[in-house]
Protein backbone atom coordinates (compact mmCIF):
# COMPACT_ATOMS: atom_id res chain seq x y z
CA MET A 1 100.73 96.85 -7.97
CA LYS A 2 97.69 94.68 -8.48
CA THR A 3 99.10 91.48 -7.24
CA LYS A 4 100.62 93.12 -4.43
CA LEU A 5 96.90 94.66 -3.44
CA ILE A 6 95.47 90.96 -3.88
CA MET A 7 98.24 89.38 -1.69
CA LEU A 8 97.48 91.93 1.10
CA LEU A 9 94.07 91.23 0.80
CA TRP A 10 94.43 87.76 1.03
CA LEU A 11 96.29 88.26 4.41
CA VAL A 12 92.97 90.35 5.24
CA VAL A 13 90.91 87.43 4.57
CA PHE A 14 93.02 85.54 7.26
CA SER A 15 92.69 88.27 9.85
CA CYS A 16 89.16 89.07 9.31
CA THR A 17 89.81 92.61 8.91
CA ALA A 18 88.97 94.58 5.66
CA PHE A 19 90.93 97.16 3.53
CA ALA A 20 89.15 99.92 2.04
CA ALA A 21 88.62 99.01 -1.18
CA ASP A 22 89.20 101.81 -3.02
CA ASN A 23 92.42 102.62 -1.71
CA THR A 24 91.44 105.60 0.34
CA PRO A 25 94.08 106.73 2.98
CA PRO A 26 94.14 105.18 6.34
CA GLN A 27 91.42 106.02 8.61
CA THR A 28 92.32 108.18 11.63
CA MET A 29 89.19 107.83 13.69
CA LEU A 30 90.53 106.14 16.95
CA VAL A 31 87.60 103.89 18.44
CA GLU A 32 87.62 102.52 22.09
CA LYS A 33 86.35 98.77 22.66
CA GLN A 34 83.57 98.93 25.80
CA HIS A 35 82.03 96.05 28.16
CA PHE A 36 78.82 95.39 28.67
CA THR A 37 77.42 92.85 31.18
CA THR A 38 74.06 91.61 31.70
CA LYS A 39 72.56 89.14 33.82
CA ASP A 40 70.08 86.20 33.54
CA PHE A 41 69.83 85.83 30.14
CA THR A 42 68.04 83.05 28.79
CA THR A 43 68.56 81.64 25.44
CA VAL A 44 66.18 80.22 22.75
CA SER A 45 67.22 76.32 24.02
CA GLY A 46 66.12 77.33 27.45
CA VAL A 47 68.94 77.57 29.43
CA THR A 48 69.62 80.36 31.43
CA LEU A 49 73.07 81.81 31.69
CA PRO A 50 73.54 83.75 35.12
CA LYS A 51 76.00 86.16 33.33
CA VAL A 52 76.85 87.20 29.80
CA ASP A 53 79.40 89.73 28.75
CA ILE A 54 80.17 91.05 25.24
CA GLY A 55 82.30 93.81 23.99
CA TRP A 56 81.11 96.87 21.88
CA GLU A 57 82.05 100.30 20.26
CA SER A 58 80.77 103.08 18.58
CA TYR A 59 81.45 105.75 16.08
CA GLY A 60 80.04 109.33 16.19
CA LYS A 61 77.36 111.00 18.79
CA LEU A 62 73.94 109.91 19.83
CA ASN A 63 71.44 112.85 19.42
CA ALA A 64 68.89 114.34 21.98
CA ASN A 65 66.17 112.01 20.32
CA LYS A 66 67.90 109.04 20.58
CA ASP A 67 67.15 108.03 17.14
CA ASN A 68 69.93 108.58 15.30
CA VAL A 69 71.66 105.13 15.72
CA ILE A 70 72.73 102.72 13.02
CA LEU A 71 73.64 98.77 14.35
CA ILE A 72 75.83 96.99 12.60
CA THR A 73 76.14 93.16 13.13
CA HIS A 74 79.35 91.33 12.50
CA TYR A 75 80.15 88.37 9.87
CA PHE A 76 80.85 84.84 11.36
CA SER A 77 84.47 85.09 11.99
CA GLY A 78 84.35 88.95 12.67
CA THR A 79 84.14 91.21 15.59
CA SER A 80 82.70 94.43 16.94
CA HIS A 81 85.57 96.60 14.93
CA ALA A 82 83.54 97.59 11.94
CA ALA A 83 85.62 101.06 11.22
CA GLY A 84 88.13 103.06 12.93
CA LYS A 85 90.88 102.07 14.53
CA TYR A 86 92.07 101.09 18.17
CA LYS A 87 95.23 102.75 18.05
CA ALA A 88 96.64 105.17 15.16
CA ASP A 89 99.46 102.71 14.32
CA ASP A 90 97.16 99.97 13.63
CA ALA A 91 98.16 98.27 10.50
CA LEU A 92 94.53 98.26 9.35
CA PRO A 93 90.97 100.17 10.17
CA GLY A 94 87.87 97.97 10.78
CA TYR A 95 86.38 96.02 7.89
CA TRP A 96 83.80 98.63 7.00
CA ASP A 97 85.68 101.32 7.48
CA ALA A 98 85.27 102.34 3.57
CA ILE A 99 81.65 103.16 4.39
CA ILE A 100 81.62 104.11 7.74
CA GLY A 101 83.34 107.45 9.63
CA PRO A 102 82.62 111.42 9.04
CA GLY A 103 81.54 111.94 5.51
CA LYS A 104 81.53 108.68 4.34
CA ALA A 105 78.19 106.62 3.64
CA ILE A 106 77.42 105.76 6.78
CA ASP A 107 78.45 109.42 8.13
CA THR A 108 79.32 109.27 11.81
CA ASN A 109 78.62 113.19 11.52
CA LYS A 110 74.99 112.36 11.53
CA TYR A 111 74.59 109.15 13.17
CA LEU A 112 75.77 106.83 16.24
CA VAL A 113 77.11 103.78 14.73
CA ILE A 114 77.04 100.79 17.26
CA SER A 115 78.72 97.26 16.94
CA SER A 116 79.22 94.44 18.91
CA ASP A 117 81.01 91.20 19.53
CA THR A 118 78.30 88.64 19.29
CA LEU A 119 77.96 85.52 22.09
CA VAL A 120 80.44 82.71 21.39
CA ASN A 121 82.61 85.24 19.31
CA ALA A 122 85.49 82.66 17.30
CA ASN A 123 88.26 85.38 18.51
CA TRP A 124 88.46 84.22 21.83
CA HIS A 125 91.97 84.72 22.20
CA ASP A 126 92.02 88.21 20.45
CA SER A 127 92.63 90.65 23.22
CA ASN A 128 89.97 93.34 21.72
CA VAL A 129 87.29 90.83 21.69
CA ILE A 130 85.07 90.35 24.67
CA THR A 131 82.31 87.94 24.51
CA THR A 132 80.90 84.83 26.64
CA GLY A 133 80.91 81.40 25.46
CA PRO A 134 82.25 77.73 26.09
CA ALA A 135 85.47 79.10 26.76
CA SER A 136 84.06 81.17 29.45
CA ILE A 137 84.15 80.00 33.38
CA ASN A 138 81.11 78.11 34.27
CA PRO A 139 80.49 79.77 37.85
CA LYS A 140 78.72 76.24 38.77
CA THR A 141 82.14 74.50 38.25
CA GLY A 142 84.71 77.35 38.59
CA LYS A 143 85.68 75.56 34.99
CA PRO A 144 85.59 76.64 31.33
CA TYR A 145 81.96 75.60 30.27
CA GLY A 146 83.12 73.60 27.23
CA LEU A 147 80.25 71.91 25.15
CA ASP A 148 77.90 72.12 28.49
CA PHE A 149 77.60 75.75 27.21
CA PRO A 150 73.88 76.12 25.66
CA VAL A 151 73.27 75.95 22.07
CA VAL A 152 72.93 79.74 21.41
CA THR A 153 71.05 81.19 18.00
CA ILE A 154 70.91 84.08 16.04
CA THR A 155 68.11 85.32 17.91
CA ASP A 156 70.17 85.23 21.22
CA PHE A 157 72.55 87.29 19.67
CA VAL A 158 69.79 89.75 18.62
CA ASN A 159 68.59 89.64 21.93
CA VAL A 160 71.79 90.47 23.85
CA GLN A 161 72.37 93.47 21.57
CA LYS A 162 68.92 94.57 22.58
CA ARG A 163 69.94 94.51 26.21
CA LEU A 164 72.77 96.70 25.26
CA LEU A 165 70.63 99.19 23.45
CA ASP A 166 68.17 99.20 26.41
CA SER A 167 71.15 99.94 28.52
CA LEU A 168 71.63 103.00 26.85
CA GLY A 169 67.74 104.22 26.39
CA ILE A 170 67.77 103.27 22.76
CA ASN A 171 64.40 102.29 21.59
CA LYS A 172 64.87 102.60 18.16
CA LEU A 173 67.26 102.03 15.17
CA HIS A 174 67.40 104.43 12.08
CA ALA A 175 68.94 101.43 10.55
CA VAL A 176 70.26 97.66 11.19
CA MET A 177 73.04 96.20 8.70
CA GLY A 178 74.93 93.40 8.63
CA ALA A 179 77.07 91.18 6.36
CA SER A 180 76.94 87.26 5.82
CA MET A 181 75.82 86.24 9.58
CA GLY A 182 75.59 89.68 10.37
CA SER A 183 72.47 90.00 7.90
CA PHE A 184 71.16 86.95 9.55
CA GLN A 185 71.27 89.36 12.82
CA ALA A 186 70.03 92.43 10.82
CA LEU A 187 66.87 90.48 9.63
CA GLU A 188 65.90 88.71 12.83
CA TRP A 189 66.12 92.15 14.25
CA ALA A 190 63.68 93.52 11.54
CA THR A 191 61.60 90.21 11.71
CA ARG A 192 61.61 89.97 15.90
CA TYR A 193 61.55 93.93 16.67
CA PRO A 194 59.44 95.49 13.51
CA ASP A 195 58.59 98.37 15.52
CA LYS A 196 62.19 99.55 16.32
CA VAL A 197 63.66 99.05 12.99
CA GLU A 198 63.29 102.04 10.53
CA ARG A 199 65.57 100.31 7.93
CA LEU A 200 67.47 97.12 6.99
CA ILE A 201 70.42 96.65 4.97
CA HIS A 202 71.21 93.25 4.28
CA VAL A 203 74.53 92.39 2.72
CA ILE A 204 75.86 88.62 1.32
CA GLY A 205 73.24 87.24 3.40
CA ALA A 206 70.40 84.92 3.43
CA ALA A 207 67.09 84.54 4.93
CA THR A 208 67.04 80.66 6.12
CA MET A 209 69.49 78.19 5.66
CA ASP A 210 68.80 75.41 2.95
CA ALA A 211 69.76 71.64 3.03
CA TRP A 212 72.75 72.50 0.98
CA THR A 213 74.34 75.17 2.98
CA VAL A 214 73.74 73.40 6.51
CA ALA A 215 75.59 70.92 4.63
CA ALA A 216 78.29 72.95 3.70
CA LEU A 217 78.67 74.56 6.84
CA GLU A 218 79.09 71.56 8.54
CA LYS A 219 82.67 70.80 6.44
CA TRP A 220 83.63 73.82 8.94
CA ALA A 221 82.97 71.91 12.12
CA LEU A 222 84.39 68.43 11.20
CA PRO A 223 87.99 69.30 11.19
CA ILE A 224 87.80 70.26 14.65
CA ARG A 225 85.95 67.20 15.63
CA LEU A 226 88.34 65.05 14.01
CA ASP A 227 91.27 66.90 15.69
CA LYS A 228 92.94 64.57 18.47
CA ASN A 229 93.46 67.48 21.02
CA TRP A 230 89.64 68.35 20.47
CA GLN A 231 88.35 65.63 23.21
CA GLN A 232 84.99 66.30 22.82
CA GLY A 233 85.25 70.48 23.86
CA ASN A 234 87.11 69.23 27.06
CA TYR A 235 90.81 70.51 25.65
CA TYR A 236 90.97 73.69 27.81
CA GLY A 237 94.03 73.66 30.27
CA LYS A 238 95.78 71.14 27.29
CA GLU A 239 96.95 71.50 23.89
CA ARG A 240 94.39 73.11 22.08
CA PRO A 241 93.13 71.41 18.54
CA LEU A 242 95.01 74.09 16.56
CA GLU A 243 95.55 71.61 13.45
CA GLY A 244 92.08 71.27 12.85
CA LEU A 245 91.16 74.99 13.51
CA ALA A 246 93.60 76.07 10.96
CA ALA A 247 91.78 73.32 8.57
CA THR A 248 88.54 74.84 8.95
CA MET A 249 90.06 78.44 8.25
CA LEU A 250 91.01 76.89 5.30
CA ASN A 251 87.62 75.82 4.28
CA ILE A 252 86.15 79.15 5.70
CA THR A 253 88.66 80.78 3.56
CA GLN A 254 87.98 78.90 0.33
CA ASP A 255 84.36 78.65 0.33
CA ALA A 256 84.19 82.52 0.84
CA MET A 257 86.22 83.31 -2.27
CA HIS A 258 85.42 82.85 -6.13
CA PRO A 259 88.08 81.32 -8.24
CA ILE A 260 88.69 84.49 -10.22
CA ILE A 261 90.47 86.06 -7.08
CA TYR A 262 91.93 83.10 -5.51
CA ASN A 263 93.51 82.12 -8.85
CA ALA A 264 94.95 85.59 -9.62
CA SER A 265 96.18 85.56 -5.94
CA PHE A 266 99.34 83.00 -6.82
CA PRO A 267 100.24 84.38 -10.37
CA ASP A 268 103.52 82.12 -9.47
CA PHE A 269 101.54 78.99 -8.96
CA ASN A 270 103.10 75.93 -10.87
CA VAL A 271 100.69 72.83 -11.00
CA LEU A 272 103.82 70.77 -11.65
CA ASP A 273 105.11 71.23 -8.05
CA ASP A 274 108.85 70.17 -7.68
CA GLY A 275 108.79 69.16 -3.71
CA ALA A 276 105.10 67.43 -4.53
CA LEU A 277 106.13 65.48 -7.27
CA LYS A 278 109.51 63.74 -5.56
CA ASP A 279 107.67 63.21 -2.10
CA ILE A 280 104.05 62.28 -1.07
CA ARG A 281 104.87 63.61 2.54
CA THR A 282 105.69 67.38 0.64
CA LEU A 283 102.77 69.75 0.40
CA PRO A 284 102.54 71.61 -2.90
CA LYS A 285 104.02 75.22 -2.15
CA LEU A 286 100.84 76.67 -2.68
CA ASN A 287 99.30 74.61 0.36
CA GLN A 288 102.43 75.39 2.56
CA VAL A 289 101.69 79.16 2.32
CA LEU A 290 97.86 78.62 2.92
CA ALA A 291 98.65 76.29 5.82
CA GLN A 292 100.69 78.81 7.38
CA ARG A 293 98.45 81.77 7.11
CA ALA A 294 95.58 79.41 8.46
CA MET A 295 97.52 78.42 11.60
CA ALA A 296 98.57 82.04 12.40
CA ARG A 297 94.49 82.59 11.80
CA ALA A 298 93.69 79.75 14.40
CA GLN A 299 96.11 81.14 17.37
CA THR A 300 93.17 83.88 17.94
CA GLN A 301 90.53 81.86 17.89
CA ASP A 302 88.67 78.96 20.19
CA ALA A 303 87.65 75.71 18.51
CA ASN A 304 84.42 75.37 20.26
CA HIS A 305 83.32 78.92 19.53
CA VAL A 306 83.54 78.22 16.13
CA LEU A 307 81.55 75.06 16.40
CA TYR A 308 78.82 77.26 17.97
CA LEU A 309 78.83 79.89 15.31
CA VAL A 310 78.53 76.70 12.64
CA ARG A 311 75.73 75.34 15.20
CA ALA A 312 73.74 78.95 15.46
CA SER A 313 74.34 79.50 11.60
CA GLN A 314 73.03 76.25 10.87
CA LEU A 315 69.82 76.60 12.51
CA PHE A 316 69.01 80.15 11.37
CA THR A 317 65.70 81.20 9.79
CA ALA A 318 64.28 84.54 9.92
CA GLY A 319 62.11 85.04 13.19
CA MET A 320 62.60 81.36 13.86
CA GLN A 321 59.71 80.43 11.93
CA SER A 322 59.85 77.66 9.49
CA ASP A 323 57.58 79.07 6.99
CA LEU A 324 59.58 82.10 5.63
CA THR A 325 57.10 84.04 3.89
CA SER A 326 55.19 84.40 6.63
CA ALA A 327 58.22 85.43 8.77
CA LEU A 328 58.99 88.19 6.08
CA LYS A 329 55.49 89.49 6.57
CA ASN A 330 56.68 90.79 9.93
CA VAL A 331 59.18 93.26 8.19
CA SER A 332 58.12 96.90 8.44
CA ALA A 333 61.56 98.47 7.78
CA LYS A 334 62.47 99.96 4.47
CA THR A 335 64.92 97.19 2.99
CA LEU A 336 68.08 97.12 0.82
CA LEU A 337 69.06 93.66 0.02
CA LEU A 338 72.98 93.76 -1.21
CA PRO A 339 73.67 90.09 -2.60
CA ALA A 340 76.98 89.74 -4.41
CA SER A 341 76.51 88.25 -8.05
CA ASN A 342 79.38 86.05 -7.73
CA ASP A 343 78.62 84.77 -4.15
CA LEU A 344 79.19 80.77 -3.99
CA LEU A 345 78.22 80.41 -0.57
CA LEU A 346 75.18 82.71 0.33
CA ARG A 347 74.25 82.42 -3.21
CA PRO A 348 72.69 85.85 -4.80
CA GLU A 349 69.62 83.69 -6.25
CA ASN A 350 68.42 82.91 -2.95
CA MET A 351 68.09 86.53 -2.10
CA ARG A 352 66.43 87.45 -5.32
CA ALA A 353 63.74 85.16 -4.40
CA VAL A 354 63.15 86.96 -0.67
CA TYR A 355 63.18 90.26 -2.66
CA GLU A 356 60.25 88.63 -5.24
CA THR A 357 58.52 87.59 -1.86
CA MET A 358 58.80 91.18 -0.05
CA LYS A 359 57.54 92.69 -3.34
CA ALA A 360 54.50 90.54 -3.55
CA GLN A 361 54.09 91.48 0.17
CA GLY A 362 54.19 94.95 -0.39
CA LYS A 363 57.03 95.81 1.26
CA ASP A 364 59.26 98.99 0.49
CA VAL A 365 62.30 96.56 -0.76
CA THR A 366 65.03 97.18 -2.87
CA LEU A 367 67.74 94.76 -4.77
CA SER A 368 71.52 96.00 -5.66
CA GLU A 369 73.93 93.27 -6.45
CA ILE A 370 77.32 94.04 -5.85
CA GLU A 371 79.77 93.30 -8.24
CA GLY A 372 83.09 92.03 -8.27
CA GLY A 373 85.49 88.70 -8.41
CA TRP A 374 86.02 87.80 -4.52
CA GLY A 375 82.60 86.20 -4.18
CA HIS A 376 81.29 86.03 -0.94
CA LEU A 377 84.12 88.50 0.15
CA ASP A 378 82.84 91.23 -2.38
CA GLY A 379 80.16 92.09 0.83
CA LEU A 380 83.42 93.16 2.67
CA PHE A 381 85.80 93.96 -0.58
CA SER A 382 83.79 95.48 -3.13
CA ILE A 383 81.13 97.41 -0.74
CA ALA A 384 82.60 101.04 -1.58
CA PRO A 385 80.82 101.51 -4.90
CA LYS A 386 77.42 100.70 -3.27
CA ALA A 387 78.26 103.77 -0.96
CA GLN A 388 76.11 106.45 -2.50
CA LEU A 389 73.23 104.07 -2.88
CA ILE A 390 73.65 103.65 1.20
CA SER A 391 73.90 107.04 1.88
CA GLU A 392 70.82 107.65 -0.04
CA PHE A 393 69.04 104.98 1.70
CA LEU A 394 69.78 106.08 5.11
CA GLU A 395 68.52 109.74 3.74
CA GLU A 396 65.38 108.69 2.41
């Protein structure tokens, strides 16, 4: 039974949607994807996009005072689909369905939960994703932007979300919560718009990039750049750089997982693989399986969009300030930090240091580490044990 669950979650890893870690029955909450358009959006890099489109979805109802809103900001390869299902027969619900919904930690009987696709969302070929990025049509040329699309930052993601909320008449957030790259956005909200954020829940994240992480992220970009079909980003209308993109998916998946679960996922693994032993051109069976899964995942993604997400992540530092201590001074939100103890990608010791800094600044901050064997992915798969803590934090 354990092996079957691990293999199901492995498939989820490649589809970037999480299964309720506590084995709760599938959620029946049905959600609808909505479309938001804004014009004349100027990026941090100084380029004005004449039009920006993003998709978003919501769960729950807005109260009369419009002060019961919780914004969910998604991770690197994720989408706005944080909970529920688009159709009753969908195979799996949104990635945080274990904690978002009626009667759950983020109770949609009390709160209106909003989640949006980011700019340059990786999942360009997913029919449920709406995003503006390099694959979008440049109105000046009538062709896809390609690498002429401006560099975008985590701040830009937040500023588009702010325009969405402004259009809904929402001026204050009861909370903002995100995992991984979503935690970057959540913290950016709290540093850039402190008067609008009452609570911050920062999951498996970071407050600024260090040299090690910037270099590690470049390993995600490199296979795409080396793919012969990438052609400096000018592949639209031609053969896509799927081999490089699939290799990137392999790198992302392994970096996000701890060896504990990675190794347990392959109980029949045999280091003396017969095919690999006899022919150097034959991959070990393990690598063949992983390659097939990664290629399937690559079908829904756009390679240039992934490169732009890598760059946005590499450039992240809270408030776009080089001095993190000064940036954290701007945070007025009650803060809950949830790093994962076994995270090898965004390491928990960094958030422990942030906790100490915020404590020294007199901030209302709590740190509680997520335990589990998934590593970075514990922020998705092992979040359920933190449900009570999250519920109480939102009520306080």
